[in-house]
mmCIF file of all heavy atoms, coordinates in Angstrom:
data_MODEL
# 
_entry.id   MODEL 
# 
loop_
_atom_site.group_PDB 
_atom_site.id 
_atom_site.type_symbol 
_atom_site.label_atom_id 
_atom_site.label_alt_id 
_atom_site.label_comp_id 
_atom_site.label_asym_id 
_atom_site.label_entity_id 
_atom_site.label_seq_id 
_atom_site.pdbx_PDB_ins_code 
_atom_site.Cartn_x 
_atom_site.Cartn_y 
_atom_site.Cartn_z 
_atom_site.occupancy 
_atom_site.B_iso_or_equiv 
_atom_site.pdbx_formal_charge 
_atom_site.auth_seq_id 
_atom_site.auth_comp_id 
_atom_site.auth_asym_id 
_atom_site.auth_atom_id 
_atom_site.pdbx_PDB_model_num 
ATOM 1   N N   . VAL A 1 1  ? 15.859 2.060  -18.165 1.00 0.00 ? 1  VAL A N   1 
ATOM 2   C CA  . VAL A 1 1  ? 14.996 2.775  -17.206 1.00 0.00 ? 1  VAL A CA  1 
ATOM 3   C C   . VAL A 1 1  ? 14.356 1.755  -16.273 1.00 0.00 ? 1  VAL A C   1 
ATOM 4   O O   . VAL A 1 1  ? 14.404 1.928  -14.995 1.00 0.00 ? 1  VAL A O   1 
ATOM 5   C CB  . VAL A 1 1  ? 13.937 3.599  -17.819 1.00 0.00 ? 1  VAL A CB  1 
ATOM 6   C CG1 . VAL A 1 1  ? 12.897 4.094  -16.789 1.00 0.00 ? 1  VAL A CG1 1 
ATOM 7   C CG2 . VAL A 1 1  ? 14.581 4.864  -18.525 1.00 0.00 ? 1  VAL A CG2 1 
ATOM 8   N N   . GLU A 1 2  ? 13.860 0.627  -16.827 1.00 0.00 ? 2  GLU A N   1 
ATOM 9   C CA  . GLU A 1 2  ? 13.188 -0.292 -15.991 1.00 0.00 ? 2  GLU A CA  1 
ATOM 10  C C   . GLU A 1 2  ? 14.194 -0.969 -15.047 1.00 0.00 ? 2  GLU A C   1 
ATOM 11  O O   . GLU A 1 2  ? 13.790 -1.387 -13.966 1.00 0.00 ? 2  GLU A O   1 
ATOM 12  C CB  . GLU A 1 2  ? 12.535 -1.341 -16.930 1.00 0.00 ? 2  GLU A CB  1 
ATOM 13  C CG  . GLU A 1 2  ? 11.349 -0.841 -17.687 1.00 0.00 ? 2  GLU A CG  1 
ATOM 14  C CD  . GLU A 1 2  ? 10.795 -1.775 -18.728 1.00 0.00 ? 2  GLU A CD  1 
ATOM 15  O OE1 . GLU A 1 2  ? 11.419 -2.795 -18.956 1.00 0.00 ? 2  GLU A OE1 1 
ATOM 16  O OE2 . GLU A 1 2  ? 9.630  -1.503 -19.137 1.00 0.00 ? 2  GLU A OE2 1 
ATOM 17  N N   . GLU A 1 3  ? 15.432 -1.274 -15.555 1.00 0.00 ? 3  GLU A N   1 
ATOM 18  C CA  . GLU A 1 3  ? 16.449 -1.818 -14.612 1.00 0.00 ? 3  GLU A CA  1 
ATOM 19  C C   . GLU A 1 3  ? 16.780 -0.901 -13.504 1.00 0.00 ? 3  GLU A C   1 
ATOM 20  O O   . GLU A 1 3  ? 16.904 -1.394 -12.299 1.00 0.00 ? 3  GLU A O   1 
ATOM 21  C CB  . GLU A 1 3  ? 17.792 -1.995 -15.537 1.00 0.00 ? 3  GLU A CB  1 
ATOM 22  C CG  . GLU A 1 3  ? 18.820 -2.953 -14.883 1.00 0.00 ? 3  GLU A CG  1 
ATOM 23  C CD  . GLU A 1 3  ? 19.819 -3.261 -15.915 1.00 0.00 ? 3  GLU A CD  1 
ATOM 24  O OE1 . GLU A 1 3  ? 20.492 -2.289 -16.385 1.00 0.00 ? 3  GLU A OE1 1 
ATOM 25  O OE2 . GLU A 1 3  ? 20.096 -4.418 -16.174 1.00 0.00 ? 3  GLU A OE2 1 
ATOM 26  N N   . LEU A 1 4  ? 16.857 0.369  -13.701 1.00 0.00 ? 4  LEU A N   1 
ATOM 27  C CA  . LEU A 1 4  ? 17.170 1.315  -12.607 1.00 0.00 ? 4  LEU A CA  1 
ATOM 28  C C   . LEU A 1 4  ? 16.032 1.354  -11.628 1.00 0.00 ? 4  LEU A C   1 
ATOM 29  O O   . LEU A 1 4  ? 16.253 1.386  -10.402 1.00 0.00 ? 4  LEU A O   1 
ATOM 30  C CB  . LEU A 1 4  ? 17.400 2.762  -13.158 1.00 0.00 ? 4  LEU A CB  1 
ATOM 31  C CG  . LEU A 1 4  ? 18.713 2.954  -13.885 1.00 0.00 ? 4  LEU A CG  1 
ATOM 32  C CD1 . LEU A 1 4  ? 18.784 4.258  -14.575 1.00 0.00 ? 4  LEU A CD1 1 
ATOM 33  C CD2 . LEU A 1 4  ? 19.944 2.821  -12.915 1.00 0.00 ? 4  LEU A CD2 1 
ATOM 34  N N   . LEU A 1 5  ? 14.773 1.439  -12.130 1.00 0.00 ? 5  LEU A N   1 
ATOM 35  C CA  . LEU A 1 5  ? 13.562 1.466  -11.141 1.00 0.00 ? 5  LEU A CA  1 
ATOM 36  C C   . LEU A 1 5  ? 13.518 0.150  -10.364 1.00 0.00 ? 5  LEU A C   1 
ATOM 37  O O   . LEU A 1 5  ? 13.227 0.185  -9.173  1.00 0.00 ? 5  LEU A O   1 
ATOM 38  C CB  . LEU A 1 5  ? 12.384 1.656  -12.049 1.00 0.00 ? 5  LEU A CB  1 
ATOM 39  C CG  . LEU A 1 5  ? 12.131 3.024  -12.758 1.00 0.00 ? 5  LEU A CG  1 
ATOM 40  C CD1 . LEU A 1 5  ? 10.939 2.967  -13.637 1.00 0.00 ? 5  LEU A CD1 1 
ATOM 41  C CD2 . LEU A 1 5  ? 11.984 4.027  -11.676 1.00 0.00 ? 5  LEU A CD2 1 
ATOM 42  N N   . ALA A 1 6  ? 13.743 -0.942 -10.994 1.00 0.00 ? 6  ALA A N   1 
ATOM 43  C CA  . ALA A 1 6  ? 13.725 -2.318 -10.240 1.00 0.00 ? 6  ALA A CA  1 
ATOM 44  C C   . ALA A 1 6  ? 14.713 -2.263 -9.151  1.00 0.00 ? 6  ALA A C   1 
ATOM 45  O O   . ALA A 1 6  ? 14.512 -3.008 -8.196  1.00 0.00 ? 6  ALA A O   1 
ATOM 46  C CB  . ALA A 1 6  ? 13.938 -3.433 -11.228 1.00 0.00 ? 6  ALA A CB  1 
ATOM 47  N N   . SER A 1 7  ? 15.842 -1.626 -9.307  1.00 0.00 ? 7  SER A N   1 
ATOM 48  C CA  . SER A 1 7  ? 16.895 -1.537 -8.355  1.00 0.00 ? 7  SER A CA  1 
ATOM 49  C C   . SER A 1 7  ? 16.579 -0.650 -7.162  1.00 0.00 ? 7  SER A C   1 
ATOM 50  O O   . SER A 1 7  ? 17.324 -0.653 -6.101  1.00 0.00 ? 7  SER A O   1 
ATOM 51  C CB  . SER A 1 7  ? 18.246 -1.114 -8.981  1.00 0.00 ? 7  SER A CB  1 
ATOM 52  O OG  . SER A 1 7  ? 18.247 0.301  -9.189  1.00 0.00 ? 7  SER A OG  1 
ATOM 53  N N   . GLY A 1 8  ? 15.464 0.053  -7.196  1.00 0.00 ? 8  GLY A N   1 
ATOM 54  C CA  . GLY A 1 8  ? 15.046 0.955  -6.082  1.00 0.00 ? 8  GLY A CA  1 
ATOM 55  C C   . GLY A 1 8  ? 15.396 2.383  -6.322  1.00 0.00 ? 8  GLY A C   1 
ATOM 56  O O   . GLY A 1 8  ? 15.068 3.266  -5.519  1.00 0.00 ? 8  GLY A O   1 
ATOM 57  N N   . LYS A 1 9  ? 16.080 2.707  -7.472  1.00 0.00 ? 9  LYS A N   1 
ATOM 58  C CA  . LYS A 1 9  ? 16.533 4.132  -7.732  1.00 0.00 ? 9  LYS A CA  1 
ATOM 59  C C   . LYS A 1 9  ? 15.308 4.851  -8.220  1.00 0.00 ? 9  LYS A C   1 
ATOM 60  O O   . LYS A 1 9  ? 14.483 4.412  -9.017  1.00 0.00 ? 9  LYS A O   1 
ATOM 61  C CB  . LYS A 1 9  ? 17.616 4.110  -8.745  1.00 0.00 ? 9  LYS A CB  1 
ATOM 62  C CG  . LYS A 1 9  ? 18.951 3.604  -8.258  1.00 0.00 ? 9  LYS A CG  1 
ATOM 63  C CD  . LYS A 1 9  ? 19.672 4.680  -7.488  1.00 0.00 ? 9  LYS A CD  1 
ATOM 64  C CE  . LYS A 1 9  ? 21.171 4.271  -7.179  1.00 0.00 ? 9  LYS A CE  1 
ATOM 65  N NZ  . LYS A 1 9  ? 21.830 5.258  -6.416  1.00 0.00 ? 9  LYS A NZ  1 
ATOM 66  N N   . ASP A 1 10 ? 15.266 6.207  -7.826  1.00 0.00 ? 10 ASP A N   1 
ATOM 67  C CA  . ASP A 1 10 ? 14.314 7.114  -8.438  1.00 0.00 ? 10 ASP A CA  1 
ATOM 68  C C   . ASP A 1 10 ? 15.049 7.596  -9.804  1.00 0.00 ? 10 ASP A C   1 
ATOM 69  O O   . ASP A 1 10 ? 16.278 7.884  -9.765  1.00 0.00 ? 10 ASP A O   1 
ATOM 70  C CB  . ASP A 1 10 ? 14.157 8.343  -7.598  1.00 0.00 ? 10 ASP A CB  1 
ATOM 71  C CG  . ASP A 1 10 ? 13.234 7.922  -6.361  1.00 0.00 ? 10 ASP A CG  1 
ATOM 72  O OD1 . ASP A 1 10 ? 12.604 6.876  -6.366  1.00 0.00 ? 10 ASP A OD1 1 
ATOM 73  O OD2 . ASP A 1 10 ? 13.260 8.748  -5.398  1.00 0.00 ? 10 ASP A OD2 1 
ATOM 74  N N   . VAL A 1 11 ? 14.200 7.612  -10.864 1.00 0.00 ? 11 VAL A N   1 
ATOM 75  C CA  . VAL A 1 11 ? 14.839 7.875  -12.190 1.00 0.00 ? 11 VAL A CA  1 
ATOM 76  C C   . VAL A 1 11 ? 14.270 9.175  -12.812 1.00 0.00 ? 11 VAL A C   1 
ATOM 77  O O   . VAL A 1 11 ? 12.956 9.249  -12.731 1.00 0.00 ? 11 VAL A O   1 
ATOM 78  C CB  . VAL A 1 11 ? 14.656 6.695  -13.144 1.00 0.00 ? 11 VAL A CB  1 
ATOM 79  C CG1 . VAL A 1 11 ? 15.294 7.014  -14.548 1.00 0.00 ? 11 VAL A CG1 1 
ATOM 80  C CG2 . VAL A 1 11 ? 15.303 5.426  -12.530 1.00 0.00 ? 11 VAL A CG2 1 
ATOM 81  N N   . ILE A 1 12 ? 15.115 9.995  -13.296 1.00 0.00 ? 12 ILE A N   1 
ATOM 82  C CA  . ILE A 1 12 ? 14.565 11.309 -13.857 1.00 0.00 ? 12 ILE A CA  1 
ATOM 83  C C   . ILE A 1 12 ? 14.810 11.115 -15.460 1.00 0.00 ? 12 ILE A C   1 
ATOM 84  O O   . ILE A 1 12 ? 15.831 10.797 -15.895 1.00 0.00 ? 12 ILE A O   1 
ATOM 85  C CB  . ILE A 1 12 ? 15.360 12.501 -13.409 1.00 0.00 ? 12 ILE A CB  1 
ATOM 86  C CG1 . ILE A 1 12 ? 15.103 12.778 -11.933 1.00 0.00 ? 12 ILE A CG1 1 
ATOM 87  C CG2 . ILE A 1 12 ? 15.033 13.676 -14.229 1.00 0.00 ? 12 ILE A CG2 1 
ATOM 88  C CD1 . ILE A 1 12 ? 15.850 13.905 -11.294 1.00 0.00 ? 12 ILE A CD1 1 
ATOM 89  N N   . LEU A 1 13 ? 13.620 11.433 -16.130 1.00 0.00 ? 13 LEU A N   1 
ATOM 90  C CA  . LEU A 1 13 ? 13.776 11.457 -17.600 1.00 0.00 ? 13 LEU A CA  1 
ATOM 91  C C   . LEU A 1 13 ? 13.631 12.993 -17.906 1.00 0.00 ? 13 LEU A C   1 
ATOM 92  O O   . LEU A 1 13 ? 12.706 13.674 -17.602 1.00 0.00 ? 13 LEU A O   1 
ATOM 93  C CB  . LEU A 1 13 ? 12.558 10.819 -18.243 1.00 0.00 ? 13 LEU A CB  1 
ATOM 94  C CG  . LEU A 1 13 ? 12.376 9.307  -17.973 1.00 0.00 ? 13 LEU A CG  1 
ATOM 95  C CD1 . LEU A 1 13 ? 11.271 8.679  -18.841 1.00 0.00 ? 13 LEU A CD1 1 
ATOM 96  C CD2 . LEU A 1 13 ? 13.714 8.535  -18.368 1.00 0.00 ? 13 LEU A CD2 1 
ATOM 97  N N   . GLU A 1 14 ? 14.774 13.477 -18.484 1.00 0.00 ? 14 GLU A N   1 
ATOM 98  C CA  . GLU A 1 14 ? 14.805 14.941 -18.863 1.00 0.00 ? 14 GLU A CA  1 
ATOM 99  C C   . GLU A 1 14 ? 14.407 14.991 -20.373 1.00 0.00 ? 14 GLU A C   1 
ATOM 100 O O   . GLU A 1 14 ? 15.170 14.945 -21.280 1.00 0.00 ? 14 GLU A O   1 
ATOM 101 C CB  . GLU A 1 14 ? 16.273 15.388 -18.727 1.00 0.00 ? 14 GLU A CB  1 
ATOM 102 C CG  . GLU A 1 14 ? 16.485 16.891 -18.951 1.00 0.00 ? 14 GLU A CG  1 
ATOM 103 C CD  . GLU A 1 14 ? 17.946 17.275 -18.762 1.00 0.00 ? 14 GLU A CD  1 
ATOM 104 O OE1 . GLU A 1 14 ? 18.741 16.459 -18.326 1.00 0.00 ? 14 GLU A OE1 1 
ATOM 105 O OE2 . GLU A 1 14 ? 18.276 18.458 -19.072 1.00 0.00 ? 14 GLU A OE2 1 
ATOM 106 N N   . ILE A 1 15 ? 13.150 15.122 -20.667 1.00 0.00 ? 15 ILE A N   1 
ATOM 107 C CA  . ILE A 1 15 ? 12.558 15.073 -22.035 1.00 0.00 ? 15 ILE A CA  1 
ATOM 108 C C   . ILE A 1 15 ? 11.604 16.188 -22.242 1.00 0.00 ? 15 ILE A C   1 
ATOM 109 O O   . ILE A 1 15 ? 11.112 16.851 -21.305 1.00 0.00 ? 15 ILE A O   1 
ATOM 110 C CB  . ILE A 1 15 ? 11.909 13.672 -22.217 1.00 0.00 ? 15 ILE A CB  1 
ATOM 111 C CG1 . ILE A 1 15 ? 10.911 13.399 -21.056 1.00 0.00 ? 15 ILE A CG1 1 
ATOM 112 C CG2 . ILE A 1 15 ? 12.917 12.545 -22.191 1.00 0.00 ? 15 ILE A CG2 1 
ATOM 113 C CD1 . ILE A 1 15 ? 10.135 12.040 -21.248 1.00 0.00 ? 15 ILE A CD1 1 
ATOM 114 N N   . ASP A 1 16 ? 11.159 16.310 -23.529 1.00 0.00 ? 16 ASP A N   1 
ATOM 115 C CA  . ASP A 1 16 ? 10.250 17.341 -23.884 1.00 0.00 ? 16 ASP A CA  1 
ATOM 116 C C   . ASP A 1 16 ? 8.810  16.791 -23.673 1.00 0.00 ? 16 ASP A C   1 
ATOM 117 O O   . ASP A 1 16 ? 8.573  15.677 -23.335 1.00 0.00 ? 16 ASP A O   1 
ATOM 118 C CB  . ASP A 1 16 ? 10.529 17.837 -25.292 1.00 0.00 ? 16 ASP A CB  1 
ATOM 119 C CG  . ASP A 1 16 ? 10.159 16.878 -26.323 1.00 0.00 ? 16 ASP A CG  1 
ATOM 120 O OD1 . ASP A 1 16 ? 9.764  15.672 -26.044 1.00 0.00 ? 16 ASP A OD1 1 
ATOM 121 O OD2 . ASP A 1 16 ? 10.247 17.187 -27.480 1.00 0.00 ? 16 ASP A OD2 1 
ATOM 122 N N   . TRP A 1 17 ? 7.837  17.604 -23.976 1.00 0.00 ? 17 TRP A N   1 
ATOM 123 C CA  . TRP A 1 17 ? 6.456  17.338 -23.776 1.00 0.00 ? 17 TRP A CA  1 
ATOM 124 C C   . TRP A 1 17 ? 5.992  16.089 -24.664 1.00 0.00 ? 17 TRP A C   1 
ATOM 125 O O   . TRP A 1 17 ? 5.211  15.307 -24.233 1.00 0.00 ? 17 TRP A O   1 
ATOM 126 C CB  . TRP A 1 17 ? 5.497  18.469 -24.010 1.00 0.00 ? 17 TRP A CB  1 
ATOM 127 C CG  . TRP A 1 17 ? 5.322  18.831 -25.487 1.00 0.00 ? 17 TRP A CG  1 
ATOM 128 C CD1 . TRP A 1 17 ? 6.101  19.832 -26.199 1.00 0.00 ? 17 TRP A CD1 1 
ATOM 129 C CD2 . TRP A 1 17 ? 4.446  18.362 -26.385 1.00 0.00 ? 17 TRP A CD2 1 
ATOM 130 N NE1 . TRP A 1 17 ? 5.659  19.801 -27.479 1.00 0.00 ? 17 TRP A NE1 1 
ATOM 131 C CE2 . TRP A 1 17 ? 4.684  18.961 -27.610 1.00 0.00 ? 17 TRP A CE2 1 
ATOM 132 C CE3 . TRP A 1 17 ? 3.318  17.346 -26.289 1.00 0.00 ? 17 TRP A CE3 1 
ATOM 133 C CZ2 . TRP A 1 17 ? 3.893  18.734 -28.803 1.00 0.00 ? 17 TRP A CZ2 1 
ATOM 134 C CZ3 . TRP A 1 17 ? 2.607  17.156 -27.398 1.00 0.00 ? 17 TRP A CZ3 1 
ATOM 135 C CH2 . TRP A 1 17 ? 2.815  17.794 -28.672 1.00 0.00 ? 17 TRP A CH2 1 
ATOM 136 N N   . GLN A 1 18 ? 6.579  15.998 -25.851 1.00 0.00 ? 18 GLN A N   1 
ATOM 137 C CA  . GLN A 1 18 ? 6.258  14.853 -26.764 1.00 0.00 ? 18 GLN A CA  1 
ATOM 138 C C   . GLN A 1 18 ? 6.682  13.529 -26.094 1.00 0.00 ? 18 GLN A C   1 
ATOM 139 O O   . GLN A 1 18 ? 5.959  12.577 -26.057 1.00 0.00 ? 18 GLN A O   1 
ATOM 140 C CB  . GLN A 1 18 ? 6.951  15.032 -28.033 1.00 0.00 ? 18 GLN A CB  1 
ATOM 141 C CG  . GLN A 1 18 ? 6.571  16.260 -28.817 1.00 0.00 ? 18 GLN A CG  1 
ATOM 142 C CD  . GLN A 1 18 ? 7.423  16.360 -30.092 1.00 0.00 ? 18 GLN A CD  1 
ATOM 143 O OE1 . GLN A 1 18 ? 7.213  15.686 -31.105 1.00 0.00 ? 18 GLN A OE1 1 
ATOM 144 N NE2 . GLN A 1 18 ? 8.441  17.232 -30.100 1.00 0.00 ? 18 GLN A NE2 1 
ATOM 145 N N   . GLY A 1 19 ? 7.958  13.491 -25.604 1.00 0.00 ? 19 GLY A N   1 
ATOM 146 C CA  . GLY A 1 19 ? 8.471  12.308 -24.943 1.00 0.00 ? 19 GLY A CA  1 
ATOM 147 C C   . GLY A 1 19 ? 7.606  12.003 -23.634 1.00 0.00 ? 19 GLY A C   1 
ATOM 148 O O   . GLY A 1 19 ? 7.371  10.816 -23.421 1.00 0.00 ? 19 GLY A O   1 
ATOM 149 N N   . ALA A 1 20 ? 7.275  13.061 -22.998 1.00 0.00 ? 20 ALA A N   1 
ATOM 150 C CA  . ALA A 1 20 ? 6.475  12.878 -21.701 1.00 0.00 ? 20 ALA A CA  1 
ATOM 151 C C   . ALA A 1 20 ? 5.189  12.173 -21.977 1.00 0.00 ? 20 ALA A C   1 
ATOM 152 O O   . ALA A 1 20 ? 4.708  11.307 -21.271 1.00 0.00 ? 20 ALA A O   1 
ATOM 153 C CB  . ALA A 1 20 ? 6.207  14.265 -20.988 1.00 0.00 ? 20 ALA A CB  1 
ATOM 154 N N   . ASP A 1 21 ? 4.575  12.578 -23.093 1.00 0.00 ? 21 ASP A N   1 
ATOM 155 C CA  . ASP A 1 21 ? 3.260  11.996 -23.521 1.00 0.00 ? 21 ASP A CA  1 
ATOM 156 C C   . ASP A 1 21 ? 3.433  10.511 -23.884 1.00 0.00 ? 21 ASP A C   1 
ATOM 157 O O   . ASP A 1 21 ? 2.606  9.676  -23.501 1.00 0.00 ? 21 ASP A O   1 
ATOM 158 C CB  . ASP A 1 21 ? 2.702  12.755 -24.731 1.00 0.00 ? 21 ASP A CB  1 
ATOM 159 C CG  . ASP A 1 21 ? 1.336  12.362 -25.049 1.00 0.00 ? 21 ASP A CG  1 
ATOM 160 O OD1 . ASP A 1 21 ? 0.403  12.272 -24.157 1.00 0.00 ? 21 ASP A OD1 1 
ATOM 161 O OD2 . ASP A 1 21 ? 1.056  11.988 -26.248 1.00 0.00 ? 21 ASP A OD2 1 
ATOM 162 N N   . GLN A 1 22 ? 4.499  10.225 -24.541 1.00 0.00 ? 22 GLN A N   1 
ATOM 163 C CA  . GLN A 1 22 ? 4.768  8.809  -24.890 1.00 0.00 ? 22 GLN A CA  1 
ATOM 164 C C   . GLN A 1 22 ? 5.007  7.940  -23.648 1.00 0.00 ? 22 GLN A C   1 
ATOM 165 O O   . GLN A 1 22 ? 4.506  6.814  -23.506 1.00 0.00 ? 22 GLN A O   1 
ATOM 166 C CB  . GLN A 1 22 ? 5.981  8.671  -25.769 1.00 0.00 ? 22 GLN A CB  1 
ATOM 167 C CG  . GLN A 1 22 ? 5.795  9.308  -27.132 1.00 0.00 ? 22 GLN A CG  1 
ATOM 168 C CD  . GLN A 1 22 ? 7.065  9.251  -27.983 1.00 0.00 ? 22 GLN A CD  1 
ATOM 169 O OE1 . GLN A 1 22 ? 7.721  8.175  -28.152 1.00 0.00 ? 22 GLN A OE1 1 
ATOM 170 N NE2 . GLN A 1 22 ? 7.499  10.388 -28.571 1.00 0.00 ? 22 GLN A NE2 1 
ATOM 171 N N   . VAL A 1 23 ? 5.737  8.557  -22.672 1.00 0.00 ? 23 VAL A N   1 
ATOM 172 C CA  . VAL A 1 23 ? 6.091  7.757  -21.463 1.00 0.00 ? 23 VAL A CA  1 
ATOM 173 C C   . VAL A 1 23 ? 4.866  7.466  -20.625 1.00 0.00 ? 23 VAL A C   1 
ATOM 174 O O   . VAL A 1 23 ? 4.679  6.390  -20.160 1.00 0.00 ? 23 VAL A O   1 
ATOM 175 C CB  . VAL A 1 23 ? 7.112  8.464  -20.622 1.00 0.00 ? 23 VAL A CB  1 
ATOM 176 C CG1 . VAL A 1 23 ? 7.289  7.848  -19.221 1.00 0.00 ? 23 VAL A CG1 1 
ATOM 177 C CG2 . VAL A 1 23 ? 8.460  8.524  -21.325 1.00 0.00 ? 23 VAL A CG2 1 
ATOM 178 N N   . ARG A 1 24 ? 3.932  8.536  -20.573 1.00 0.00 ? 24 ARG A N   1 
ATOM 179 C CA  . ARG A 1 24 ? 2.741  8.374  -19.733 1.00 0.00 ? 24 ARG A CA  1 
ATOM 180 C C   . ARG A 1 24 ? 1.887  7.136  -20.192 1.00 0.00 ? 24 ARG A C   1 
ATOM 181 O O   . ARG A 1 24 ? 1.163  6.506  -19.383 1.00 0.00 ? 24 ARG A O   1 
ATOM 182 C CB  . ARG A 1 24 ? 1.938  9.663  -19.710 1.00 0.00 ? 24 ARG A CB  1 
ATOM 183 C CG  . ARG A 1 24 ? 2.555  10.817 -19.009 1.00 0.00 ? 24 ARG A CG  1 
ATOM 184 C CD  . ARG A 1 24 ? 1.481  11.806 -18.797 1.00 0.00 ? 24 ARG A CD  1 
ATOM 185 N NE  . ARG A 1 24 ? 2.189  13.124 -18.393 1.00 0.00 ? 24 ARG A NE  1 
ATOM 186 C CZ  . ARG A 1 24 ? 2.492  14.089 -19.209 1.00 0.00 ? 24 ARG A CZ  1 
ATOM 187 N NH1 . ARG A 1 24 ? 2.363  13.950 -20.591 1.00 0.00 ? 24 ARG A NH1 1 
ATOM 188 N NH2 . ARG A 1 24 ? 3.133  15.175 -18.812 1.00 0.00 ? 24 ARG A NH2 1 
ATOM 189 N N   . LYS A 1 25 ? 1.925  7.008  -21.530 1.00 0.00 ? 25 LYS A N   1 
ATOM 190 C CA  . LYS A 1 25 ? 1.112  5.901  -22.068 1.00 0.00 ? 25 LYS A CA  1 
ATOM 191 C C   . LYS A 1 25 ? 1.682  4.486  -21.803 1.00 0.00 ? 25 LYS A C   1 
ATOM 192 O O   . LYS A 1 25 ? 0.983  3.541  -21.955 1.00 0.00 ? 25 LYS A O   1 
ATOM 193 C CB  . LYS A 1 25 ? 1.009  6.146  -23.580 1.00 0.00 ? 25 LYS A CB  1 
ATOM 194 C CG  . LYS A 1 25 ? 0.255  7.367  -23.992 1.00 0.00 ? 25 LYS A CG  1 
ATOM 195 C CD  . LYS A 1 25 ? 0.236  7.590  -25.497 1.00 0.00 ? 25 LYS A CD  1 
ATOM 196 C CE  . LYS A 1 25 ? -0.588 8.826  -25.822 1.00 0.00 ? 25 LYS A CE  1 
ATOM 197 N NZ  . LYS A 1 25 ? -0.417 9.144  -27.313 1.00 0.00 ? 25 LYS A NZ  1 
ATOM 198 N N   . GLN A 1 26 ? 2.943  4.395  -21.434 1.00 0.00 ? 26 GLN A N   1 
ATOM 199 C CA  . GLN A 1 26 ? 3.610  3.151  -21.167 1.00 0.00 ? 26 GLN A CA  1 
ATOM 200 C C   . GLN A 1 26 ? 3.864  2.883  -19.735 1.00 0.00 ? 26 GLN A C   1 
ATOM 201 O O   . GLN A 1 26 ? 3.853  1.672  -19.253 1.00 0.00 ? 26 GLN A O   1 
ATOM 202 C CB  . GLN A 1 26 ? 4.910  3.148  -21.890 1.00 0.00 ? 26 GLN A CB  1 
ATOM 203 C CG  . GLN A 1 26 ? 4.777  3.236  -23.429 1.00 0.00 ? 26 GLN A CG  1 
ATOM 204 C CD  . GLN A 1 26 ? 6.107  2.928  -24.150 1.00 0.00 ? 26 GLN A CD  1 
ATOM 205 O OE1 . GLN A 1 26 ? 6.597  1.826  -24.119 1.00 0.00 ? 26 GLN A OE1 1 
ATOM 206 N NE2 . GLN A 1 26 ? 6.640  4.002  -24.798 1.00 0.00 ? 26 GLN A NE2 1 
ATOM 207 N N   . ILE A 1 27 ? 4.133  3.925  -18.895 1.00 0.00 ? 27 ILE A N   1 
ATOM 208 C CA  . ILE A 1 27 ? 4.426  3.733  -17.507 1.00 0.00 ? 27 ILE A CA  1 
ATOM 209 C C   . ILE A 1 27 ? 3.388  4.632  -16.773 1.00 0.00 ? 27 ILE A C   1 
ATOM 210 O O   . ILE A 1 27 ? 3.594  5.866  -16.722 1.00 0.00 ? 27 ILE A O   1 
ATOM 211 C CB  . ILE A 1 27 ? 5.807  4.054  -17.156 1.00 0.00 ? 27 ILE A CB  1 
ATOM 212 C CG1 . ILE A 1 27 ? 6.822  3.111  -17.847 1.00 0.00 ? 27 ILE A CG1 1 
ATOM 213 C CG2 . ILE A 1 27 ? 6.069  3.873  -15.648 1.00 0.00 ? 27 ILE A CG2 1 
ATOM 214 C CD1 . ILE A 1 27 ? 8.238  3.326  -17.579 1.00 0.00 ? 27 ILE A CD1 1 
# 
């Protein structure tokens, strides 16, 4: 994910609410 974002791409994470909560805490 970090590699794709660094390349300028918009990245979609298709995840549930639990995963969303984890991601918010890191990015």
